[in-house]
Amino acid sequence: MEIQRVDNISHQEFIKEFYEPGIPVVFKNAASVWKAKGLFTPDWFRSNYGDRKLEKSGKTYTMKEAMDLVEASTESNPAPYPLKYNISKELPELLPLIDPLNLNYALPNWLESKWFKKGYWGSATELFIGGPGGKFPYLHLDYYHLNAWITQLYGDKQFTVFPRGQEEFLYPKADDPWRSEVNIFEPDYDKFPLYKNATPINFTVGAGETLFIPFGTWHSAYSLTATISVAFDQLNSKNYKPFLKDVWDFRRREGLMRAVMMHSYAWVGCKMGDNLK
């Protein structure tokens, strides 16, 4: 299996060839509809939002410090990863620059409705910043069975995905089956011998390209250069049933009444579906 790269396909073609069968794909130019394309650079963020703060592992960094870290990052001494901002809450000035968020492909997306703006449903529109050697700390599935859309706006990032049906080779954690116990960057085959049967697919996403990761796809990422990307999630009729199950399971940990309340709210939203505003 290879990850296809497509250019100027229609929304209908995307749905038929990739979305419905659940196949990851890289769009070469979907981000052309964003003003952010070609604009987001470390220097641009330093100049415009240099004092904007983020927290990572108990430490606070300004945007300027974050950009300095990732540009000085090396394979042997990588910057913390990922450094990220919730765009809607912490950098709302960027929203007009990434409009339409759906890139005219992530449609429909019920998470863009006012209904799902209330509460937390496992999703956020986030700015990710990384440097060479920075890698996602674990192989994972996205919570709530949401589709992930990642647009690389600066630098190159290597992604790793696995074909569906390889869970037995990936050793999901017993207490958190959304995460793998295997360090795929340095696998311990003595401890995880079945991982030898897994077939990871590695590929690079460059500046201006967008990666679609369908729900239920195991994946991770590794920054090859200083990188800036925007990520958001998608919910609609294809994934709402496992989404609702996840809402119940996660909220049940907070108590029965909390689970009933949140699941009921989400259920109503999903039943309204494409009529949401």
C-alpha atoms as a PDB file:
ATOM      1  CA  MET A   1       0.000   0.000   0.000  1.00  0.00           C
ATOM      2  CA  GLU A   2       1.256   3.455  -0.937  1.00  0.00           C
ATOM      3  CA  ILE A   3      -0.186   6.789   0.076  1.00  0.00           C
ATOM      4  CA  GLN A   4      -1.490   8.528  -3.018  1.00  0.00           C
ATOM      5  CA  ARG A   5      -0.937  12.220  -3.700  1.00  0.00           C
ATOM      6  CA  VAL A   6      -3.777  13.920  -5.530  1.00  0.00           C
ATOM      7  CA  ASP A   7      -4.202  17.271  -7.212  1.00  0.00           C
ATOM      8  CA  ASN A   8      -7.420  19.068  -8.084  1.00  0.00           C
ATOM      9  CA  ILE A   9      -9.778  16.130  -7.620  1.00  0.00           C
ATOM     10  CA  SER A  10     -13.439  16.890  -6.976  1.00  0.00           C
ATOM     11  CA  HIS A  11     -15.100  16.467  -3.600  1.00  0.00           C
ATOM     12  CA  GLN A  12     -17.192  13.651  -5.082  1.00  0.00           C
ATOM     13  CA  GLU A  13     -14.052  11.854  -6.279  1.00  0.00           C
ATOM     14  CA  PHE A  14     -12.472  12.208  -2.845  1.00  0.00           C
ATOM     15  CA  ILE A  15     -15.547  10.751  -1.145  1.00  0.00           C
ATOM     16  CA  LYS A  16     -15.708   7.775  -3.515  1.00  0.00           C
ATOM     17  CA  GLU A  17     -12.004   6.956  -3.763  1.00  0.00           C
ATOM     18  CA  PHE A  18     -10.727   7.746  -0.263  1.00  0.00           C
ATOM     19  CA  TYR A  19     -13.327   8.801   2.286  1.00  0.00           C
ATOM     20  CA  GLU A  20     -15.814   5.968   1.928  1.00  0.00           C
ATOM     21  CA  PRO A  21     -13.172   3.176   1.845  1.00  0.00           C
ATOM     22  CA  GLY A  22     -11.197   4.875   4.653  1.00  0.00           C
ATOM     23  CA  ILE A  23      -7.899   5.386   2.825  1.00  0.00           C
ATOM     24  CA  PRO A  24      -5.372   8.094   3.829  1.00  0.00           C
ATOM     25  CA  VAL A  25      -4.448  10.534   1.082  1.00  0.00           C
ATOM     26  CA  VAL A  26      -2.253  13.601   0.595  1.00  0.00           C
ATOM     27  CA  PHE A  27      -3.721  16.620  -1.191  1.00  0.00           C
ATOM     28  CA  LYS A  28      -1.075  18.604  -3.012  1.00  0.00           C
ATOM     29  CA  ASN A  29      -2.945  21.900  -3.255  1.00  0.00           C
ATOM     30  CA  ALA A  30      -6.087  21.801  -1.105  1.00  0.00           C
ATOM     31  CA  ALA A  31      -4.577  24.501   1.139  1.00  0.00           C
ATOM     32  CA  SER A  32      -4.482  26.954  -1.754  1.00  0.00           C
ATOM     33  CA  VAL A  33      -7.841  28.266  -0.505  1.00  0.00           C
ATOM     34  CA  TRP A  34      -6.177  29.434   2.737  1.00  0.00           C
ATOM     35  CA  LYS A  35      -4.451  32.795   3.051  1.00  0.00           C
ATOM     36  CA  ALA A  36      -2.135  31.048   5.512  1.00  0.00           C
ATOM     37  CA  LYS A  37      -0.453  29.126   2.711  1.00  0.00           C
ATOM     38  CA  GLY A  38       2.934  30.721   2.075  1.00  0.00           C
ATOM     39  CA  LEU A  39       2.402  33.127   4.987  1.00  0.00           C
ATOM     40  CA  PHE A  40       3.056  31.040   8.090  1.00  0.00           C
ATOM     41  CA  THR A  41       6.786  31.024   8.855  1.00  0.00           C
ATOM     42  CA  PRO A  42       8.773  31.190  12.101  1.00  0.00           C
ATOM     43  CA  ASP A  43       9.683  34.827  11.422  1.00  0.00           C
ATOM     44  CA  TRP A  44       6.059  35.759  10.689  1.00  0.00           C
ATOM     45  CA  PHE A  45       4.930  34.296  14.007  1.00  0.00           C
ATOM     46  CA  ARG A  46       7.795  35.947  15.879  1.00  0.00           C
ATOM     47  CA  SER A  47       6.871  39.327  14.405  1.00  0.00           C
ATOM     48  CA  ASN A  48       3.131  39.065  14.931  1.00  0.00           C
ATOM     49  CA  TYR A  49       2.600  36.821  17.959  1.00  0.00           C
ATOM     50  CA  GLY A  50       6.005  36.622  19.612  1.00  0.00           C
ATOM     51  CA  ASP A  51       4.655  37.074  23.139  1.00  0.00           C
ATOM     52  CA  ARG A  52       1.779  34.558  22.830  1.00  0.00           C
ATOM     53  CA  LYS A  53       2.313  31.799  25.392  1.00  0.00           C
ATOM     54  CA  LEU A  54       1.940  28.028  25.407  1.00  0.00           C
ATOM     55  CA  GLU A  55       2.588  25.327  27.970  1.00  0.00           C
ATOM     56  CA  LYS A  56       4.446  22.080  27.440  1.00  0.00           C
ATOM     57  CA  SER A  57       5.378  19.545  30.113  1.00  0.00           C
ATOM     58  CA  GLY A  58       4.889  22.055  32.903  1.00  0.00           C
ATOM     59  CA  LYS A  59       6.959  24.792  31.239  1.00  0.00           C
ATOM     60  CA  THR A  60       5.743  28.013  29.642  1.00  0.00           C
ATOM     61  CA  TYR A  61       7.149  29.282  26.356  1.00  0.00           C
ATOM     62  CA  THR A  62       6.424  32.371  24.306  1.00  0.00           C
ATOM     63  CA  MET A  63       5.903  32.003  20.589  1.00  0.00           C
ATOM     64  CA  LYS A  64       9.312  33.553  20.001  1.00  0.00           C
ATOM     65  CA  GLU A  65      10.939  31.040  22.337  1.00  0.00           C
ATOM     66  CA  ALA A  66       9.062  28.168  20.671  1.00  0.00           C
ATOM     67  CA  MET A  67      10.229  29.222  17.222  1.00  0.00           C
ATOM     68  CA  ASP A  68      13.792  29.659  18.428  1.00  0.00           C
ATOM     69  CA  LEU A  69      13.696  26.169  19.932  1.00  0.00           C
ATOM     70  CA  VAL A  70      12.451  24.411  16.810  1.00  0.00           C
ATOM     71  CA  GLU A  71      14.878  26.217  14.521  1.00  0.00           C
ATOM     72  CA  ALA A  72      17.762  25.200  16.813  1.00  0.00           C
ATOM     73  CA  SER A  73      16.421  21.647  17.161  1.00  0.00           C
ATOM     74  CA  THR A  74      18.596  18.719  16.014  1.00  0.00           C
ATOM     75  CA  GLU A  75      18.189  14.968  15.764  1.00  0.00           C
ATOM     76  CA  SER A  76      20.428  14.525  18.804  1.00  0.00           C
ATOM     77  CA  ASN A  77      18.926  17.386  20.797  1.00  0.00           C
ATOM     78  CA  PRO A  78      15.332  17.837  19.637  1.00  0.00           C
ATOM     79  CA  ALA A  79      13.016  20.590  20.801  1.00  0.00           C
ATOM     80  CA  PRO A  80       9.981  19.519  22.854  1.00  0.00           C
ATOM     81  CA  TYR A  81       7.282  18.088  20.599  1.00  0.00           C
ATOM     82  CA  PRO A  82       4.587  18.889  19.926  1.00  0.00           C
ATOM     83  CA  LEU A  83       4.432  22.559  20.845  1.00  0.00           C
ATOM     84  CA  LYS A  84       0.870  23.583  20.096  1.00  0.00           C
ATOM     85  CA  TYR A  85      -1.810  26.225  20.394  1.00  0.00           C
ATOM     86  CA  ASN A  86      -5.572  25.885  20.391  1.00  0.00           C
ATOM     87  CA  ILE A  87      -6.199  28.343  17.567  1.00  0.00           C
ATOM     88  CA  SER A  88      -9.814  29.162  18.441  1.00  0.00           C
ATOM     89  CA  LYS A  89      -8.930  30.013  22.039  1.00  0.00           C
ATOM     90  CA  GLU A  90      -5.307  31.162  21.946  1.00  0.00           C
ATOM     91  CA  LEU A  91      -4.753  32.485  18.421  1.00  0.00           C
ATOM     92  CA  PRO A  92      -8.238  33.406  17.140  1.00  0.00           C
ATOM     93  CA  GLU A  93      -6.687  36.041  14.865  1.00  0.00           C
ATOM     94  CA  LEU A  94      -5.563  33.168  12.630  1.00  0.00           C
ATOM     95  CA  LEU A  95      -9.070  31.902  11.908  1.00  0.00           C
ATOM     96  CA  PRO A  96      -9.687  34.173   8.883  1.00  0.00           C
ATOM     97  CA  LEU A  97      -6.395  32.903   7.434  1.00  0.00           C
ATOM     98  CA  ILE A  98      -7.543  29.267   7.500  1.00  0.00           C
ATOM     99  CA  ASP A  99     -11.017  29.834   6.096  1.00  0.00           C
ATOM    100  CA  PRO A 100     -12.717  27.744   4.842  1.00  0.00           C
ATOM    101  CA  LEU A 101     -11.403  25.387   7.487  1.00  0.00           C
ATOM    102  CA  ASN A 102     -12.842  22.408   5.636  1.00  0.00           C
ATOM    103  CA  LEU A 103     -10.668  23.129   2.561  1.00  0.00           C
ATOM    104  CA  ASN A 104     -13.789  22.345   0.495  1.00  0.00           C
ATOM    105  CA  TYR A 105     -13.082  18.643   1.083  1.00  0.00           C
ATOM    106  CA  ALA A 106     -13.803  17.925   4.782  1.00  0.00           C
ATOM    107  CA  LEU A 107     -17.537  18.120   4.151  1.00  0.00           C
ATOM    108  CA  PRO A 108     -19.859  17.727   5.858  1.00  0.00           C
ATOM    109  CA  ASN A 109     -18.282  18.368   9.252  1.00  0.00           C
ATOM    110  CA  TRP A 110     -20.699  18.568  12.131  1.00  0.00           C
ATOM    111  CA  LEU A 111     -17.951  19.791  14.465  1.00  0.00           C
ATOM    112  CA  GLU A 112     -18.046  23.158  12.677  1.00  0.00           C
ATOM    113  CA  SER A 113     -21.617  23.712  13.857  1.00  0.00           C
ATOM    114  CA  LYS A 114     -22.538  25.880  16.845  1.00  0.00           C
ATOM    115  CA  TRP A 115     -23.999  22.782  18.490  1.00  0.00           C
ATOM    116  CA  PHE A 116     -20.639  21.080  18.871  1.00  0.00           C
ATOM    117  CA  LYS A 117     -18.830  24.298  19.775  1.00  0.00           C
ATOM    118  CA  LYS A 118     -20.286  23.771  23.254  1.00  0.00           C
ATOM    119  CA  GLY A 119     -18.427  21.259  25.382  1.00  0.00           C
ATOM    120  CA  TYR A 120     -15.387  19.165  24.502  1.00  0.00           C
ATOM    121  CA  TRP A 121     -15.742  16.394  21.937  1.00  0.00           C
ATOM    122  CA  GLY A 122     -12.141  15.317  21.494  1.00  0.00           C
ATOM    123  CA  SER A 123     -11.467  17.890  18.812  1.00  0.00           C
ATOM    124  CA  ALA A 124      -9.753  21.258  18.434  1.00  0.00           C
ATOM    125  CA  THR A 125      -8.299  23.331  15.637  1.00  0.00           C
ATOM    126  CA  GLU A 126      -4.633  23.383  16.586  1.00  0.00           C
ATOM    127  CA  LEU A 127      -1.361  24.914  15.463  1.00  0.00           C
ATOM    128  CA  PHE A 128       1.472  22.377  15.754  1.00  0.00           C
ATOM    129  CA  ILE A 129       5.110  23.503  15.906  1.00  0.00           C
ATOM    130  CA  GLY A 130       8.078  21.127  15.767  1.00  0.00           C
ATOM    131  CA  GLY A 131      11.751  20.827  14.951  1.00  0.00           C
ATOM    132  CA  PRO A 132      14.082  18.184  13.508  1.00  0.00           C
ATOM    133  CA  GLY A 133      14.014  15.041  15.634  1.00  0.00           C
ATOM    134  CA  GLY A 134      10.708  15.957  17.225  1.00  0.00           C
ATOM    135  CA  LYS A 135       8.311  13.036  17.130  1.00  0.00           C
ATOM    136  CA  PHE A 136       4.851  12.327  18.443  1.00  0.00           C
ATOM    137  CA  PRO A 137       5.429  10.521  21.731  1.00  0.00           C
ATOM    138  CA  TYR A 138       3.416   7.441  20.814  1.00  0.00           C
ATOM    139  CA  LEU A 139       1.716   5.581  17.996  1.00  0.00           C
ATOM    140  CA  HIS A 140      -1.998   6.212  18.394  1.00  0.00           C
ATOM    141  CA  LEU A 141      -5.545   6.301  17.146  1.00  0.00           C
ATOM    142  CA  ASP A 142      -7.385   9.609  17.395  1.00  0.00           C
ATOM    143  CA  TYR A 143      -9.868   9.702  20.257  1.00  0.00           C
ATOM    144  CA  TYR A 144     -13.613   9.761  19.554  1.00  0.00           C
ATOM    145  CA  HIS A 145     -13.136   8.064  16.156  1.00  0.00           C
ATOM    146  CA  LEU A 146     -12.721  11.416  14.433  1.00  0.00           C
ATOM    147  CA  ASN A 147     -11.137  11.913  11.023  1.00  0.00           C
ATOM    148  CA  ALA A 148      -7.965  14.009  11.178  1.00  0.00           C
ATOM    149  CA  TRP A 149      -6.924  16.665   8.648  1.00  0.00           C
ATOM    150  CA  ILE A 150      -3.358  17.968   8.901  1.00  0.00           C
ATOM    151  CA  THR A 151      -2.104  20.772   6.680  1.00  0.00           C
ATOM    152  CA  GLN A 152       1.635  21.310   6.596  1.00  0.00           C
ATOM    153  CA  LEU A 153       2.250  25.030   6.109  1.00  0.00           C
ATOM    154  CA  TYR A 154       5.997  25.186   6.747  1.00  0.00           C
ATOM    155  CA  GLY A 155       8.683  22.510   6.573  1.00  0.00           C
ATOM    156  CA  ASP A 156       8.534  18.748   6.060  1.00  0.00           C
ATOM    157  CA  LYS A 157       7.123  16.081   8.331  1.00  0.00           C
ATOM    158  CA  GLN A 158       7.317  12.310   8.028  1.00  0.00           C
ATOM    159  CA  PHE A 159       4.160  10.399   8.852  1.00  0.00           C
ATOM    160  CA  THR A 160       3.744   6.714   9.569  1.00  0.00           C
ATOM    161  CA  VAL A 161       0.397   4.976   9.144  1.00  0.00           C
ATOM    162  CA  PHE A 162      -0.610   1.319   9.356  1.00  0.00           C
ATOM    163  CA  PRO A 163      -3.219  -0.501   7.266  1.00  0.00           C
ATOM    164  CA  ARG A 164      -6.348  -1.366   9.173  1.00  0.00           C
ATOM    165  CA  GLY A 165      -6.534  -4.766  10.807  1.00  0.00           C
ATOM    166  CA  GLN A 166      -3.032  -4.780  12.317  1.00  0.00           C
ATOM    167  CA  GLU A 167      -3.994  -4.080  15.929  1.00  0.00           C
ATOM    168  CA  GLU A 168      -2.637  -7.426  17.147  1.00  0.00           C
ATOM    169  CA  PHE A 169       0.815  -6.439  15.904  1.00  0.00           C
ATOM    170  CA  LEU A 170       0.719  -2.960  17.489  1.00  0.00           C
ATOM    171  CA  TYR A 171       0.111  -3.879  21.150  1.00  0.00           C
ATOM    172  CA  PRO A 172      -2.588  -1.391  22.225  1.00  0.00           C
ATOM    173  CA  LYS A 173      -2.236  -0.512  25.901  1.00  0.00           C
ATOM    174  CA  ALA A 174      -4.583  -2.421  28.187  1.00  0.00           C
ATOM    175  CA  ASP A 175      -5.638   0.706  30.078  1.00  0.00           C
ATOM    176  CA  ASP A 176      -5.699   2.966  27.002  1.00  0.00           C
ATOM    177  CA  PRO A 177      -6.353   1.006  23.796  1.00  0.00           C
ATOM    178  CA  TRP A 178      -5.958   4.207  21.767  1.00  0.00           C
ATOM    179  CA  ARG A 179      -2.188   4.091  22.303  1.00  0.00           C
ATOM    180  CA  SER A 180       0.389   1.500  21.313  1.00  0.00           C
ATOM    181  CA  GLU A 181       3.047   0.250  23.692  1.00  0.00           C
ATOM    182  CA  VAL A 182       5.529  -0.008  20.818  1.00  0.00           C
ATOM    183  CA  ASN A 183       8.058   2.737  20.180  1.00  0.00           C
ATOM    184  CA  ILE A 184       7.906   2.491  16.400  1.00  0.00           C
ATOM    185  CA  PHE A 185      11.021   4.650  16.012  1.00  0.00           C
ATOM    186  CA  GLU A 186      13.104   2.197  18.067  1.00  0.00           C
ATOM    187  CA  PRO A 187      11.027  -1.004  18.330  1.00  0.00           C
ATOM    188  CA  ASP A 188      11.929  -3.614  20.929  1.00  0.00           C
ATOM    189  CA  TYR A 189      11.298  -6.843  19.049  1.00  0.00           C
ATOM    190  CA  ASP A 190      12.135  -8.986  22.071  1.00  0.00           C
ATOM    191  CA  LYS A 191       9.344  -7.333  24.042  1.00  0.00           C
ATOM    192  CA  PHE A 192       6.953  -6.939  21.102  1.00  0.00           C
ATOM    193  CA  PRO A 193       7.775  -9.787  18.679  1.00  0.00           C
ATOM    194  CA  LEU A 194       4.517  -9.546  16.702  1.00  0.00           C
ATOM    195  CA  TYR A 195       5.442  -6.034  15.611  1.00  0.00           C
ATOM    196  CA  LYS A 196       7.721  -7.695  13.037  1.00  0.00           C
ATOM    197  CA  ASN A 197       4.528  -8.573  11.146  1.00  0.00           C
ATOM    198  CA  ALA A 198       3.292  -4.977  11.006  1.00  0.00           C
ATOM    199  CA  THR A 199       3.680  -3.062   7.764  1.00  0.00           C
ATOM    200  CA  PRO A 200       4.289   0.617   8.528  1.00  0.00           C
ATOM    201  CA  ILE A 201       3.900   3.045   5.636  1.00  0.00           C
ATOM    202  CA  ASN A 202       6.237   6.044   5.812  1.00  0.00           C
ATOM    203  CA  PHE A 203       5.813   9.143   3.684  1.00  0.00           C
ATOM    204  CA  THR A 204       6.602  12.855   3.787  1.00  0.00           C
ATOM    205  CA  VAL A 205       4.128  15.731   3.793  1.00  0.00           C
ATOM    206  CA  GLY A 206       5.661  19.001   2.645  1.00  0.00           C
ATOM    207  CA  ALA A 207       4.743  22.659   2.906  1.00  0.00           C
ATOM    208  CA  GLY A 208       1.371  23.385   1.340  1.00  0.00           C
ATOM    209  CA  GLU A 209       0.193  19.763   1.434  1.00  0.00           C
ATOM    210  CA  THR A 210      -2.706  18.313   3.418  1.00  0.00           C
ATOM    211  CA  LEU A 211      -2.998  14.815   4.865  1.00  0.00           C
ATOM    212  CA  PHE A 212      -6.363  13.135   5.458  1.00  0.00           C
ATOM    213  CA  ILE A 213      -6.242  10.394   8.121  1.00  0.00           C
ATOM    214  CA  PRO A 214      -9.525   8.440   8.368  1.00  0.00           C
ATOM    215  CA  PHE A 215     -10.791   7.401  11.788  1.00  0.00           C
ATOM    216  CA  GLY A 216      -9.442   4.080  13.016  1.00  0.00           C
ATOM    217  CA  THR A 217      -6.018   4.568  11.399  1.00  0.00           C
ATOM    218  CA  TRP A 218      -2.953   4.044  13.609  1.00  0.00           C
ATOM    219  CA  HIS A 219      -0.444   6.824  12.977  1.00  0.00           C
ATOM    220  CA  SER A 220       2.432   8.917  14.264  1.00  0.00           C
ATOM    221  CA  ALA A 221       4.621  11.774  13.016  1.00  0.00           C
ATOM    222  CA  TYR A 222       8.250  12.890  12.939  1.00  0.00           C
ATOM    223  CA  SER A 223       9.518  16.377  12.079  1.00  0.00           C
ATOM    224  CA  LEU A 224      12.281  16.398   9.496  1.00  0.00           C
ATOM    225  CA  THR A 225      12.762  20.180   9.608  1.00  0.00           C
ATOM    226  CA  ALA A 226      11.291  23.080  11.532  1.00  0.00           C
ATOM    227  CA  THR A 227       7.564  22.585  10.937  1.00  0.00           C
ATOM    228  CA  ILE A 228       4.319  24.500  11.322  1.00  0.00           C
ATOM    229  CA  SER A 229       1.007  22.780  10.672  1.00  0.00           C
ATOM    230  CA  VAL A 230      -2.711  23.181  11.319  1.00  0.00           C
ATOM    231  CA  ALA A 231      -4.848  20.218  12.333  1.00  0.00           C
ATOM    232  CA  PHE A 232      -8.590  19.795  12.758  1.00  0.00           C
ATOM    233  CA  ASP A 233     -11.075  16.928  13.055  1.00  0.00           C
ATOM    234  CA  GLN A 234     -14.193  15.811  11.207  1.00  0.00           C
ATOM    235  CA  LEU A 235     -17.451  14.186  12.307  1.00  0.00           C
ATOM    236  CA  ASN A 236     -20.407  13.196  10.134  1.00  0.00           C
ATOM    237  CA  SER A 237     -22.724  10.309   9.277  1.00  0.00           C
ATOM    238  CA  LYS A 238     -19.852   7.901   8.578  1.00  0.00           C
ATOM    239  CA  ASN A 239     -18.263   8.007  12.029  1.00  0.00           C
ATOM    240  CA  TYR A 240     -20.978   9.270  14.374  1.00  0.00           C
ATOM    241  CA  LYS A 241     -21.904   5.842  15.779  1.00  0.00           C
ATOM    242  CA  PRO A 242     -18.428   5.010  17.157  1.00  0.00           C
ATOM    243  CA  PHE A 243     -18.149   8.683  18.150  1.00  0.00           C
ATOM    244  CA  LEU A 244     -21.258   8.387  20.341  1.00  0.00           C
ATOM    245  CA  LYS A 245     -19.937   5.185  21.916  1.00  0.00           C
ATOM    246  CA  ASP A 246     -16.696   6.983  22.759  1.00  0.00           C
ATOM    247  CA  VAL A 247     -18.594   9.923  24.252  1.00  0.00           C
ATOM    248  CA  TRP A 248     -20.379   7.502  26.572  1.00  0.00           C
ATOM    249  CA  ASP A 249     -17.251   5.528  27.478  1.00  0.00           C
ATOM    250  CA  PHE A 250     -15.098   8.585  28.193  1.00  0.00           C
ATOM    251  CA  ARG A 251     -17.784  10.513  30.093  1.00  0.00           C
ATOM    252  CA  ARG A 252     -18.748   7.433  32.100  1.00  0.00           C
ATOM    253  CA  ARG A 253     -15.424   7.832  33.871  1.00  0.00           C
ATOM    254  CA  GLU A 254     -16.757  11.149  35.202  1.00  0.00           C
ATOM    255  CA  GLY A 255     -19.937   9.572  36.553  1.00  0.00           C
ATOM    256  CA  LEU A 256     -23.217   8.188  35.260  1.00  0.00           C
ATOM    257  CA  MET A 257     -25.098  11.489  35.217  1.00  0.00           C
ATOM    258  CA  ARG A 258     -22.281  13.203  33.319  1.00  0.00           C
ATOM    259  CA  ALA A 259     -22.276  10.393  30.746  1.00  0.00           C
ATOM    260  CA  VAL A 260     -26.054  10.573  30.295  1.00  0.00           C
ATOM    261  CA  MET A 261     -26.002  14.355  29.892  1.00  0.00           C
ATOM    262  CA  MET A 262     -23.111  14.522  27.415  1.00  0.00           C
ATOM    263  CA  HIS A 263     -24.187  11.483  25.416  1.00  0.00           C
ATOM    264  CA  SER A 264     -27.736  12.824  25.107  1.00  0.00           C
ATOM    265  CA  TYR A 265     -26.486  16.197  23.902  1.00  0.00           C
ATOM    266  CA  ALA A 266     -24.179  14.566  21.355  1.00  0.00           C
ATOM    267  CA  TRP A 267     -26.924  12.159  20.241  1.00  0.00           C
ATOM    268  CA  VAL A 268     -29.291  15.035  19.492  1.00  0.00           C
ATOM    269  CA  GLY A 269     -26.556  16.826  17.544  1.00  0.00           C
ATOM    270  CA  CYS A 270     -25.812  13.725  15.491  1.00  0.00           C
ATOM    271  CA  LYS A 271     -29.499  13.129  14.789  1.00  0.00           C
ATOM    272  CA  MET A 272     -29.775  16.679  13.438  1.00  0.00           C
ATOM    273  CA  GLY A 273     -26.694  15.829  11.366  1.00  0.00           C
ATOM    274  CA  ASP A 274     -26.373  17.741   8.133  1.00  0.00           C
ATOM    275  CA  ASN A 275     -29.093  20.176   9.264  1.00  0.00           C
ATOM    276  CA  LEU A 276     -26.815  21.564  11.981  1.00  0.00           C
ATOM    277  CA  LYS A 277     -25.938  25.244  11.715  1.00  0.00           C
END
